[in-house]
C-alpha atoms as a PDB file:
ATOM      1  CA  MET A   1     -11.643  -6.772  -0.033  1.00  0.00           C
ATOM      2  CA  GLN A   2     -11.776  -3.656  -2.220  1.00  0.00           C
ATOM      3  CA  LEU A   3      -8.959  -2.838  -4.596  1.00  0.00           C
ATOM      4  CA  GLY A   4      -6.916   0.278  -3.829  1.00  0.00           C
ATOM      5  CA  THR A   5      -8.138   0.667  -0.243  1.00  0.00           C
ATOM      6  CA  GLN A   6      -6.791  -0.387   3.117  1.00  0.00           C
ATOM      7  CA  PHE A   7      -8.090  -3.657   4.424  1.00  0.00           C
ATOM      8  CA  LEU A   8      -7.683  -6.164   7.204  1.00  0.00           C
ATOM      9  CA  GLU A   9      -8.470  -9.576   5.716  1.00  0.00           C
ATOM     10  CA  PRO A  10      -8.363 -12.556   8.107  1.00  0.00           C
ATOM     11  CA  VAL A  11      -6.458 -15.548   6.716  1.00  0.00           C
ATOM     12  CA  SER A  12      -6.712 -17.698   9.867  1.00  0.00           C
ATOM     13  CA  SER A  13      -8.104 -17.430  13.375  1.00  0.00           C
ATOM     14  CA  THR A  14      -4.969 -15.537  14.479  1.00  0.00           C
ATOM     15  CA  GLU A  15      -3.697 -13.732  11.353  1.00  0.00           C
ATOM     16  CA  ALA A  16      -4.934 -11.006   9.023  1.00  0.00           C
ATOM     17  CA  ILE A  17      -3.262  -9.581   5.940  1.00  0.00           C
ATOM     18  CA  ILE A  18      -3.115  -5.798   5.566  1.00  0.00           C
ATOM     19  CA  GLU A  19      -1.019  -5.504   2.393  1.00  0.00           C
ATOM     20  CA  VAL A  20      -0.475  -7.789  -0.584  1.00  0.00           C
ATOM     21  CA  PHE A  21       2.440  -7.154  -2.894  1.00  0.00           C
ATOM     22  CA  TRP A  22       2.103 -10.396  -4.895  1.00  0.00           C
ATOM     23  CA  ASN A  23      -1.006  -9.366  -6.838  1.00  0.00           C
ATOM     24  CA  SER A  24      -0.514  -6.304  -9.035  1.00  0.00           C
ATOM     25  CA  ALA A  25      -4.301  -5.755  -9.176  1.00  0.00           C
ATOM     26  CA  TYR A  26      -4.103  -4.355  -5.605  1.00  0.00           C
ATOM     27  CA  ASN A  27      -1.718  -1.552  -6.700  1.00  0.00           C
ATOM     28  CA  ALA A  28       0.392  -1.791  -3.539  1.00  0.00           C
ATOM     29  CA  ALA A  29       3.244   0.178  -5.113  1.00  0.00           C
ATOM     30  CA  THR A  30       1.011   3.256  -5.334  1.00  0.00           C
ATOM     31  CA  ARG A  31       0.336   3.309  -1.571  1.00  0.00           C
ATOM     32  CA  TRP A  32       3.976   3.222  -0.427  1.00  0.00           C
ATOM     33  CA  SER A  33       6.414   6.115  -0.649  1.00  0.00           C
ATOM     34  CA  LEU A  34      10.199   6.052  -1.007  1.00  0.00           C
ATOM     35  CA  HIS A  35      12.641   8.555   0.473  1.00  0.00           C
ATOM     36  CA  THR A  36      16.295   8.179  -0.474  1.00  0.00           C
ATOM     37  CA  GLN A  37      19.465   9.585   0.954  1.00  0.00           C
ATOM     38  CA  ALA A  38      22.474   9.452  -1.403  1.00  0.00           C
ATOM     39  CA  GLY A  39      20.959   7.217  -4.058  1.00  0.00           C
ATOM     40  CA  ASP A  40      18.185   6.516  -6.523  1.00  0.00           C
ATOM     41  CA  ALA A  41      15.240   4.211  -5.800  1.00  0.00           C
ATOM     42  CA  ARG A  42      11.982   3.181  -7.422  1.00  0.00           C
ATOM     43  CA  LEU A  43       9.179   0.676  -6.903  1.00  0.00           C
ATOM     44  CA  ALA A  44       8.118  -1.556  -9.784  1.00  0.00           C
ATOM     45  CA  ALA A  45       4.948  -3.651  -9.687  1.00  0.00           C
ATOM     46  CA  GLU A  46       5.299  -7.104 -11.221  1.00  0.00           C
ATOM     47  CA  TRP A  47       2.617  -9.760 -11.539  1.00  0.00           C
ATOM     48  CA  ASP A  48       3.643 -11.586  -8.339  1.00  0.00           C
ATOM     49  CA  ARG A  49       5.444  -8.955  -6.234  1.00  0.00           C
ATOM     50  CA  VAL A  50       6.585  -5.371  -5.930  1.00  0.00           C
ATOM     51  CA  VAL A  51      10.315  -4.854  -6.468  1.00  0.00           C
ATOM     52  CA  LEU A  52      12.303  -2.049  -4.880  1.00  0.00           C
ATOM     53  CA  HIS A  53      15.247  -1.130  -7.137  1.00  0.00           C
ATOM     54  CA  TRP A  54      17.903   0.909  -5.310  1.00  0.00           C
ATOM     55  CA  LYS A  55      21.286   2.328  -6.289  1.00  0.00           C
ATOM     56  CA  PRO A  56      22.955   3.720  -3.169  1.00  0.00           C
ATOM     57  CA  ARG A  57      25.814   6.112  -3.951  1.00  0.00           C
ATOM     58  CA  ALA A  58      27.832   5.417  -0.795  1.00  0.00           C
ATOM     59  CA  PRO A  59      28.092   3.075   2.187  1.00  0.00           C
ATOM     60  CA  GLY A  60      25.656   4.226   4.851  1.00  0.00           C
ATOM     61  CA  ALA A  61      23.129   5.547   2.307  1.00  0.00           C
ATOM     62  CA  THR A  62      19.500   4.826   3.182  1.00  0.00           C
ATOM     63  CA  VAL A  63      16.184   4.346   1.474  1.00  0.00           C
ATOM     64  CA  THR A  64      12.982   4.533   3.505  1.00  0.00           C
ATOM     65  CA  LEU A  65       9.815   2.724   2.472  1.00  0.00           C
ATOM     66  CA  GLN A  66       6.689   3.886   4.286  1.00  0.00           C
ATOM     67  CA  ARG A  67       2.939   3.859   4.137  1.00  0.00           C
ATOM     68  CA  PRO A  68       0.315   5.701   6.175  1.00  0.00           C
ATOM     69  CA  TYR A  69      -2.604   3.762   7.614  1.00  0.00           C
ATOM     70  CA  ASP A  70      -5.766   4.502   9.533  1.00  0.00           C
ATOM     71  CA  LEU A  71      -6.611   0.915  10.360  1.00  0.00           C
ATOM     72  CA  ASP A  72      -8.279  -0.657  13.394  1.00  0.00           C
ATOM     73  CA  VAL A  73      -5.963  -3.442  14.616  1.00  0.00           C
ATOM     74  CA  SER A  74      -7.718  -4.016  17.944  1.00  0.00           C
ATOM     75  CA  GLY A  75      -7.005  -7.490  19.258  1.00  0.00           C
ATOM     76  CA  TYR A  76      -3.858  -7.939  17.168  1.00  0.00           C
ATOM     77  CA  ARG A  77      -0.448  -7.738  18.843  1.00  0.00           C
ATOM     78  CA  ARG A  78       2.279  -8.241  16.220  1.00  0.00           C
ATOM     79  CA  LEU A  79       3.096  -6.872  12.770  1.00  0.00           C
ATOM     80  CA  LEU A  80       4.939  -9.025  10.207  1.00  0.00           C
ATOM     81  CA  PHE A  81       6.560  -7.746   6.990  1.00  0.00           C
ATOM     82  CA  ARG A  82       7.708 -10.414   4.513  1.00  0.00           C
ATOM     83  CA  LEU A  83      10.326  -9.570   1.895  1.00  0.00           C
ATOM     84  CA  ARG A  84      13.303 -10.961   0.023  1.00  0.00           C
ATOM     85  CA  THR A  85      16.503  -8.949   0.314  1.00  0.00           C
ATOM     86  CA  ASN A  86      20.218  -9.259  -0.422  1.00  0.00           C
ATOM     87  CA  ALA A  87      23.366  -9.330   1.639  1.00  0.00           C
ATOM     88  CA  GLY A  88      25.107  -5.989   1.997  1.00  0.00           C
ATOM     89  CA  ILE A  89      22.288  -4.117   3.722  1.00  0.00           C
ATOM     90  CA  SER A  90      20.789  -3.739   7.157  1.00  0.00           C
ATOM     91  CA  ILE A  91      17.081  -3.274   7.819  1.00  0.00           C
ATOM     92  CA  SER A  92      15.292  -1.341  10.551  1.00  0.00           C
ATOM     93  CA  GLY A  93      11.614  -0.567  10.802  1.00  0.00           C
ATOM     94  CA  CYS A  94       8.641   0.245  12.946  1.00  0.00           C
ATOM     95  CA  ALA A  95       4.878   0.216  13.150  1.00  0.00           C
ATOM     96  CA  VAL A  96       3.241   3.338  14.572  1.00  0.00           C
ATOM     97  CA  VAL A  97       0.180   2.409  16.635  1.00  0.00           C
ATOM     98  CA  ASP A  98      -1.810   4.998  18.581  1.00  0.00           C
ATOM     99  CA  GLY A  99       0.996   7.522  18.044  1.00  0.00           C
ATOM    100  CA  LYS A 100       3.752   5.273  19.437  1.00  0.00           C
ATOM    101  CA  ALA A 101       6.501   3.650  17.321  1.00  0.00           C
ATOM    102  CA  PHE A 102       7.024  -0.083  17.931  1.00  0.00           C
ATOM    103  CA  PRO A 103      10.129  -1.694  16.365  1.00  0.00           C
ATOM    104  CA  ILE A 104       9.705  -4.533  13.865  1.00  0.00           C
ATOM    105  CA  ALA A 105      13.415  -4.697  12.998  1.00  0.00           C
ATOM    106  CA  ASN A 106      16.583  -3.130  14.364  1.00  0.00           C
ATOM    107  CA  SER A 107      19.655  -3.353  12.111  1.00  0.00           C
ATOM    108  CA  VAL A 108      18.733  -6.825  10.839  1.00  0.00           C
ATOM    109  CA  LEU A 109      21.215  -7.953   8.189  1.00  0.00           C
ATOM    110  CA  GLY A 110      19.844  -8.683   4.733  1.00  0.00           C
ATOM    111  CA  THR A 111      20.160 -12.208   3.361  1.00  0.00           C
ATOM    112  CA  VAL A 112      19.811 -13.800  -0.049  1.00  0.00           C
ATOM    113  CA  SER A 113      16.545 -15.408   0.993  1.00  0.00           C
ATOM    114  CA  THR A 114      13.075 -14.544   2.201  1.00  0.00           C
ATOM    115  CA  GLN A 115      12.964 -12.703   5.506  1.00  0.00           C
ATOM    116  CA  GLU A 116      10.150 -11.925   7.887  1.00  0.00           C
ATOM    117  CA  LEU A 117      10.472  -8.821  10.023  1.00  0.00           C
ATOM    118  CA  ALA A 118       8.219  -8.989  13.079  1.00  0.00           C
ATOM    119  CA  GLY A 119       7.563  -6.919  16.157  1.00  0.00           C
ATOM    120  CA  ASP A 120       5.006  -6.676  18.919  1.00  0.00           C
ATOM    121  CA  PHE A 121       2.760  -3.655  19.386  1.00  0.00           C
ATOM    122  CA  HIS A 122       0.004  -2.549  21.755  1.00  0.00           C
ATOM    123  CA  GLY A 123      -2.959  -0.399  20.822  1.00  0.00           C
ATOM    124  CA  SER A 124      -5.839  -0.213  18.423  1.00  0.00           C
ATOM    125  CA  ARG A 125      -5.095   2.155  15.512  1.00  0.00           C
ATOM    126  CA  LEU A 126      -2.269   1.430  13.043  1.00  0.00           C
ATOM    127  CA  GLU A 127      -1.051   4.773  11.684  1.00  0.00           C
ATOM    128  CA  GLN A 128       2.115   3.932   9.738  1.00  0.00           C
ATOM    129  CA  VAL A 129       4.544   1.204   8.711  1.00  0.00           C
ATOM    130  CA  LYS A 130       8.106   2.268   7.933  1.00  0.00           C
ATOM    131  CA  VAL A 131      11.132   0.212   6.830  1.00  0.00           C
ATOM    132  CA  VAL A 132      14.623   1.695   6.410  1.00  0.00           C
ATOM    133  CA  PHE A 133      17.309  -0.060   4.359  1.00  0.00           C
ATOM    134  CA  THR A 134      20.946   0.967   4.930  1.00  0.00           C
ATOM    135  CA  ALA A 135      23.642   0.098   2.382  1.00  0.00           C
ATOM    136  CA  GLN A 136      26.927  -1.375   3.529  1.00  0.00           C
ATOM    137  CA  ALA A 137      28.448  -0.604   0.090  1.00  0.00           C
ATOM    138  CA  ALA A 138      27.621   1.441  -3.004  1.00  0.00           C
ATOM    139  CA  ALA A 139      26.205  -1.550  -4.888  1.00  0.00           C
ATOM    140  CA  ALA A 140      22.861  -1.826  -6.712  1.00  0.00           C
ATOM    141  CA  GLN A 141      20.179  -3.612  -4.687  1.00  0.00           C
ATOM    142  CA  GLU A 142      16.861  -5.220  -5.545  1.00  0.00           C
ATOM    143  CA  PHE A 143      14.319  -6.300  -2.919  1.00  0.00           C
ATOM    144  CA  GLU A 144      11.075  -8.243  -3.370  1.00  0.00           C
ATOM    145  CA  LEU A 145       8.189  -7.089  -1.189  1.00  0.00           C
ATOM    146  CA  ARG A 146       5.641  -9.846  -0.421  1.00  0.00           C
ATOM    147  CA  TRP A 147       3.080  -8.964   2.277  1.00  0.00           C
ATOM    148  CA  VAL A 148       2.311  -7.262   5.585  1.00  0.00           C
ATOM    149  CA  MET A 149       0.225  -9.041   8.224  1.00  0.00           C
ATOM    150  CA  VAL A 150      -0.896  -8.655  11.807  1.00  0.00           C
ATOM    151  CA  ASP A 151      -1.427 -11.538  14.190  1.00  0.00           C
ATOM    152  CA  ARG A 152      -2.616 -12.226  17.716  1.00  0.00           C
ATOM    153  CA  PRO A 153      -2.082 -14.910  20.323  1.00  0.00           C
ATOM    154  CA  GLY A 154      -3.776 -18.212  19.661  1.00  0.00           C
ATOM    155  CA  ILE A 155      -3.384 -21.370  17.688  1.00  0.00           C
ATOM    156  CA  SER A 156      -2.290 -20.534  14.150  1.00  0.00           C
ATOM    157  CA  TRP A 157      -2.764 -22.769  11.127  1.00  0.00           C
ATOM    158  CA  LYS A 158       0.989 -23.233  10.599  1.00  0.00           C
END
């Protein structure tokens, strides 16, 4: 695995990691972009995660986290995005594969624990991952980003 590049690193016979946020040496925060509507947001790399700090100015405000890819995901059928959020938000997101958007979350409520967003896809070339957070109130938020993986049918190590 080379630092600062895209990668697909198998971690079991059915799973491969495509983004690590827990190791600051991989500079994940530099590959993701933020787009805010009615608020301020920033990404901060810490030694074991990337933190998204967000101050929405009104209920219904959004912040979009996205990253372009050009990654061969042939044989894989599901994308998983692991993060830790808070209550008071909803989360939607998609993976774009071969030009088609596949949902990984649709208005999932945030919790005060680790969450795993997951959705099936079909195709061979991952082009983008996008996650949209929507505020239910104008309250400061902080989310921990952990990893993004792809998996395929089979017997996993879990």
